[in-house]
Amino acid sequence: MNNLFDKVFSVDEIKISALVIVLTLSSTFGLVMYVIEGDISDNLLSLLSTLIYAITGINAFNITKEAIHDFKNSKKEENVDSPI
């Protein structure tokens, strides 16, 4: 179960916990609005999509940063082992 949780929430929760909390609260509020009124306001939909894009962007940035870091480390390790 912990492995599934890590795959679904791969964003560093410490750095963007406020975004995740706001997304959860906004989603819950949107569900309540949909049940009560049968509609979700356009402003709330814009907020939800912006939060999703922000979290996705942070995820993509972190993955790219780790890939560049791993590539640089592998190049340093290759250079250390060379006899020249």
N, C-alpha and C. Protein backbone atom coordinates (compact mmCIF):
# COMPACT_ATOMS: atom_id res chain seq x y z
N MET A 1 0.82 -1.19 0.00
CA MET A 1 0.00 0.00 0.00
C MET A 1 0.86 1.26 0.00
N ASN A 2 1.96 1.24 0.73
CA ASN A 2 2.85 2.39 0.79
C ASN A 2 3.47 2.68 -0.58
N ASN A 3 3.80 1.61 -1.32
CA ASN A 3 4.37 1.79 -2.65
C ASN A 3 3.36 2.45 -3.59
N LEU A 4 2.09 2.08 -3.50
CA LEU A 4 1.05 2.71 -4.31
C LEU A 4 0.91 4.18 -3.95
N PHE A 5 0.96 4.49 -2.66
CA PHE A 5 0.87 5.88 -2.22
C PHE A 5 2.02 6.70 -2.77
N ASP A 6 3.24 6.12 -2.79
CA ASP A 6 4.40 6.84 -3.31
C ASP A 6 4.29 7.10 -4.80
N LYS A 7 3.71 6.17 -5.54
CA LYS A 7 3.57 6.36 -6.99
C LYS A 7 2.51 7.41 -7.32
N VAL A 8 1.42 7.42 -6.56
CA VAL A 8 0.34 8.37 -6.83
C VAL A 8 0.74 9.77 -6.41
N PHE A 9 1.32 9.91 -5.22
CA PHE A 9 1.73 11.20 -4.71
C PHE A 9 3.25 11.29 -4.75
N SER A 10 3.81 11.45 -5.95
CA SER A 10 5.25 11.46 -6.08
C SER A 10 5.85 12.84 -5.86
N VAL A 11 5.01 13.83 -5.68
CA VAL A 11 5.51 15.19 -5.44
C VAL A 11 6.02 15.27 -4.02
N ASP A 12 7.10 16.01 -3.82
CA ASP A 12 7.64 16.21 -2.48
C ASP A 12 6.60 16.97 -1.65
N GLU A 13 5.97 16.28 -0.74
CA GLU A 13 4.85 16.85 0.01
C GLU A 13 5.27 17.98 0.94
N ILE A 14 6.52 18.01 1.35
CA ILE A 14 6.96 19.07 2.26
C ILE A 14 6.98 20.41 1.54
N LYS A 15 7.42 20.43 0.30
CA LYS A 15 7.57 21.68 -0.43
C LYS A 15 6.23 22.24 -0.90
N ILE A 16 5.30 21.39 -1.29
CA ILE A 16 4.06 21.91 -1.85
C ILE A 16 2.84 21.42 -1.11
N SER A 17 2.97 21.17 0.17
CA SER A 17 1.84 20.66 0.92
C SER A 17 0.66 21.63 0.89
N ALA A 18 0.93 22.91 0.81
CA ALA A 18 -0.17 23.88 0.74
C ALA A 18 -0.97 23.68 -0.55
N LEU A 19 -0.29 23.41 -1.67
CA LEU A 19 -1.00 23.17 -2.92
C LEU A 19 -1.87 21.92 -2.83
N VAL A 20 -1.35 20.88 -2.24
CA VAL A 20 -2.10 19.64 -2.12
C VAL A 20 -3.31 19.83 -1.20
N ILE A 21 -3.13 20.55 -0.11
CA ILE A 21 -4.24 20.81 0.81
C ILE A 21 -5.32 21.64 0.13
N VAL A 22 -4.93 22.69 -0.57
CA VAL A 22 -5.90 23.54 -1.27
C VAL A 22 -6.61 22.74 -2.36
N LEU A 23 -5.89 21.89 -3.08
CA LEU A 23 -6.52 21.06 -4.11
C LEU A 23 -7.54 20.12 -3.49
N THR A 24 -7.21 19.50 -2.37
CA THR A 24 -8.13 18.59 -1.70
C THR A 24 -9.38 19.33 -1.22
N LEU A 25 -9.18 20.48 -0.59
CA LEU A 25 -10.32 21.25 -0.10
C LEU A 25 -11.19 21.76 -1.26
N SER A 26 -10.57 22.22 -2.32
CA SER A 26 -11.32 22.71 -3.47
C SER A 26 -12.10 21.60 -4.16
N SER A 27 -11.49 20.43 -4.25
CA SER A 27 -12.18 19.29 -4.86
C SER A 27 -13.38 18.87 -4.02
N THR A 28 -13.21 18.86 -2.71
CA THR A 28 -14.32 18.52 -1.82
C THR A 28 -15.43 19.55 -1.93
N PHE A 29 -15.07 20.82 -1.96
CA PHE A 29 -16.06 21.89 -2.11
C PHE A 29 -16.78 21.77 -3.44
N GLY A 30 -16.04 21.44 -4.51
CA GLY A 30 -16.66 21.26 -5.82
C GLY A 30 -17.64 20.11 -5.85
N LEU A 31 -17.29 19.01 -5.17
CA LEU A 31 -18.22 17.88 -5.09
C LEU A 31 -19.49 18.25 -4.34
N VAL A 32 -19.33 18.99 -3.25
CA VAL A 32 -20.50 19.43 -2.48
C VAL A 32 -21.37 20.35 -3.33
N MET A 33 -20.75 21.28 -4.04
CA MET A 33 -21.52 22.18 -4.91
C MET A 33 -22.26 21.40 -5.98
N TYR A 34 -21.61 20.38 -6.54
CA TYR A 34 -22.25 19.60 -7.59
C TYR A 34 -23.44 18.82 -7.04
N VAL A 35 -23.31 18.29 -5.83
CA VAL A 35 -24.42 17.53 -5.25
C VAL A 35 -25.58 18.46 -4.90
N ILE A 36 -25.27 19.62 -4.34
CA ILE A 36 -26.34 20.53 -3.90
C ILE A 36 -26.97 21.27 -5.08
N GLU A 37 -26.15 21.89 -5.93
CA GLU A 37 -26.67 22.75 -6.99
C GLU A 37 -26.70 22.08 -8.36
N GLY A 38 -25.94 21.01 -8.53
CA GLY A 38 -25.89 20.35 -9.83
C GLY A 38 -24.92 21.00 -10.80
N ASP A 39 -24.11 21.95 -10.31
CA ASP A 39 -23.17 22.65 -11.18
C ASP A 39 -21.97 23.11 -10.36
N ILE A 40 -20.82 23.22 -11.05
CA ILE A 40 -19.61 23.75 -10.42
C ILE A 40 -19.26 25.04 -11.15
N SER A 41 -18.96 26.09 -10.42
CA SER A 41 -18.69 27.39 -11.04
C SER A 41 -17.42 27.34 -11.89
N ASP A 42 -17.38 28.19 -12.88
CA ASP A 42 -16.21 28.26 -13.76
C ASP A 42 -14.96 28.71 -13.02
N ASN A 43 -15.13 29.58 -12.05
CA ASN A 43 -13.97 30.04 -11.27
C ASN A 43 -13.34 28.89 -10.50
N LEU A 44 -14.15 28.03 -9.91
CA LEU A 44 -13.63 26.89 -9.18
C LEU A 44 -12.96 25.90 -10.12
N LEU A 45 -13.53 25.70 -11.29
CA LEU A 45 -12.90 24.82 -12.27
C LEU A 45 -11.55 25.36 -12.72
N SER A 46 -11.45 26.68 -12.88
CA SER A 46 -10.17 27.29 -13.25
C SER A 46 -9.14 27.11 -12.13
N LEU A 47 -9.59 27.29 -10.90
CA LEU A 47 -8.69 27.10 -9.76
C LEU A 47 -8.20 25.65 -9.69
N LEU A 48 -9.11 24.70 -9.86
CA LEU A 48 -8.72 23.29 -9.81
C LEU A 48 -7.74 22.94 -10.92
N SER A 49 -7.99 23.42 -12.12
CA SER A 49 -7.08 23.10 -13.23
C SER A 49 -5.72 23.76 -13.01
N THR A 50 -5.69 24.97 -12.46
CA THR A 50 -4.42 25.63 -12.19
C THR A 50 -3.62 24.87 -11.13
N LEU A 51 -4.29 24.39 -10.10
CA LEU A 51 -3.61 23.63 -9.07
C LEU A 51 -3.06 22.32 -9.63
N ILE A 52 -3.83 21.66 -10.47
CA ILE A 52 -3.37 20.41 -11.08
C ILE A 52 -2.16 20.67 -11.97
N TYR A 53 -2.21 21.75 -12.76
CA TYR A 53 -1.07 22.09 -13.62
C TYR A 53 0.17 22.44 -12.80
N ALA A 54 -0.02 23.13 -11.68
CA ALA A 54 1.12 23.51 -10.84
C ALA A 54 1.78 22.27 -10.24
N ILE A 55 0.98 21.34 -9.73
CA ILE A 55 1.54 20.13 -9.15
C ILE A 55 2.22 19.28 -10.22
N THR A 56 1.62 19.20 -11.39
CA THR A 56 2.23 18.45 -12.50
C THR A 56 3.53 19.10 -12.94
N GLY A 57 3.56 20.42 -13.01
CA GLY A 57 4.78 21.12 -13.39
C GLY A 57 5.91 20.90 -12.39
N ILE A 58 5.58 20.91 -11.12
CA ILE A 58 6.60 20.66 -10.10
C ILE A 58 7.12 19.24 -10.22
N ASN A 59 6.22 18.29 -10.47
CA ASN A 59 6.64 16.90 -10.68
C ASN A 59 7.60 16.79 -11.86
N ALA A 60 7.23 17.41 -12.98
CA ALA A 60 8.07 17.34 -14.17
C ALA A 60 9.43 17.99 -13.92
N PHE A 61 9.43 19.12 -13.23
CA PHE A 61 10.68 19.80 -12.92
C PHE A 61 11.58 18.93 -12.04
N ASN A 62 11.00 18.29 -11.03
CA ASN A 62 11.79 17.43 -10.14
C ASN A 62 12.35 16.23 -10.88
N ILE A 63 11.58 15.63 -11.77
CA ILE A 63 12.06 14.49 -12.55
C ILE A 63 13.20 14.91 -13.47
N THR A 64 13.05 16.07 -14.11
CA THR A 64 14.11 16.59 -14.99
C THR A 64 15.37 16.90 -14.19
N LYS A 65 15.20 17.52 -13.03
CA LYS A 65 16.34 17.86 -12.19
C LYS A 65 17.10 16.61 -11.75
N GLU A 66 16.37 15.57 -11.36
CA GLU A 66 17.01 14.32 -10.95
C GLU A 66 17.73 13.65 -12.11
N ALA A 67 17.14 13.70 -13.30
CA ALA A 67 17.78 13.09 -14.47
C ALA A 67 19.08 13.81 -14.81
N ILE A 68 19.08 15.13 -14.76
CA ILE A 68 20.29 15.91 -15.05
C ILE A 68 21.35 15.64 -13.98
N HIS A 69 20.92 15.58 -12.73
CA HIS A 69 21.85 15.31 -11.63
C HIS A 69 22.48 13.92 -11.78
N ASP A 70 21.66 12.92 -12.11
CA ASP A 70 22.18 11.56 -12.30
C ASP A 70 23.13 11.49 -13.49
N PHE A 71 22.81 12.24 -14.56
CA PHE A 71 23.68 12.25 -15.73
C PHE A 71 25.02 12.88 -15.39
N LYS A 72 25.01 13.98 -14.65
CA LYS A 72 26.27 14.63 -14.26
C LYS A 72 27.10 13.73 -13.35
N ASN A 73 26.44 13.05 -12.43
CA ASN A 73 27.16 12.13 -11.54
C ASN A 73 27.76 10.96 -12.30
N SER A 74 27.05 10.44 -13.29
CA SER A 74 27.60 9.33 -14.06
C SER A 74 28.80 9.78 -14.89
N LYS A 75 28.76 11.01 -15.40
CA LYS A 75 29.90 11.54 -16.16
C LYS A 75 31.10 11.73 -15.24
N LYS A 76 30.87 12.20 -14.01
CA LYS A 76 31.98 12.38 -13.07
C LYS A 76 32.60 11.04 -12.71
N GLU A 77 31.77 10.01 -12.51
CA GLU A 77 32.27 8.69 -12.18
C GLU A 77 33.08 8.10 -13.34
N GLU A 78 32.65 8.34 -14.56
CA GLU A 78 33.39 7.84 -15.73
C GLU A 78 34.75 8.52 -15.84
N ASN A 79 34.81 9.82 -15.55
CA ASN A 79 36.06 10.56 -15.65
C ASN A 79 37.06 10.16 -14.56
N VAL A 80 36.57 9.79 -13.40
CA VAL A 80 37.44 9.39 -12.30
C VAL A 80 38.15 8.07 -12.64
N ASP A 81 37.47 7.17 -13.30
CA ASP A 81 38.01 5.87 -13.62
C ASP A 81 38.96 5.88 -14.82
N SER A 82 38.95 6.94 -15.61
CA SER A 82 39.79 6.96 -16.81
C SER A 82 41.27 7.13 -16.44
N PRO A 83 42.16 6.42 -17.11
CA PRO A 83 43.59 6.49 -16.76
C PRO A 83 44.27 7.77 -17.22
N ILE A 84 43.62 8.56 -18.02
CA ILE A 84 44.27 9.77 -18.57
C ILE A 84 44.21 10.90 -17.62
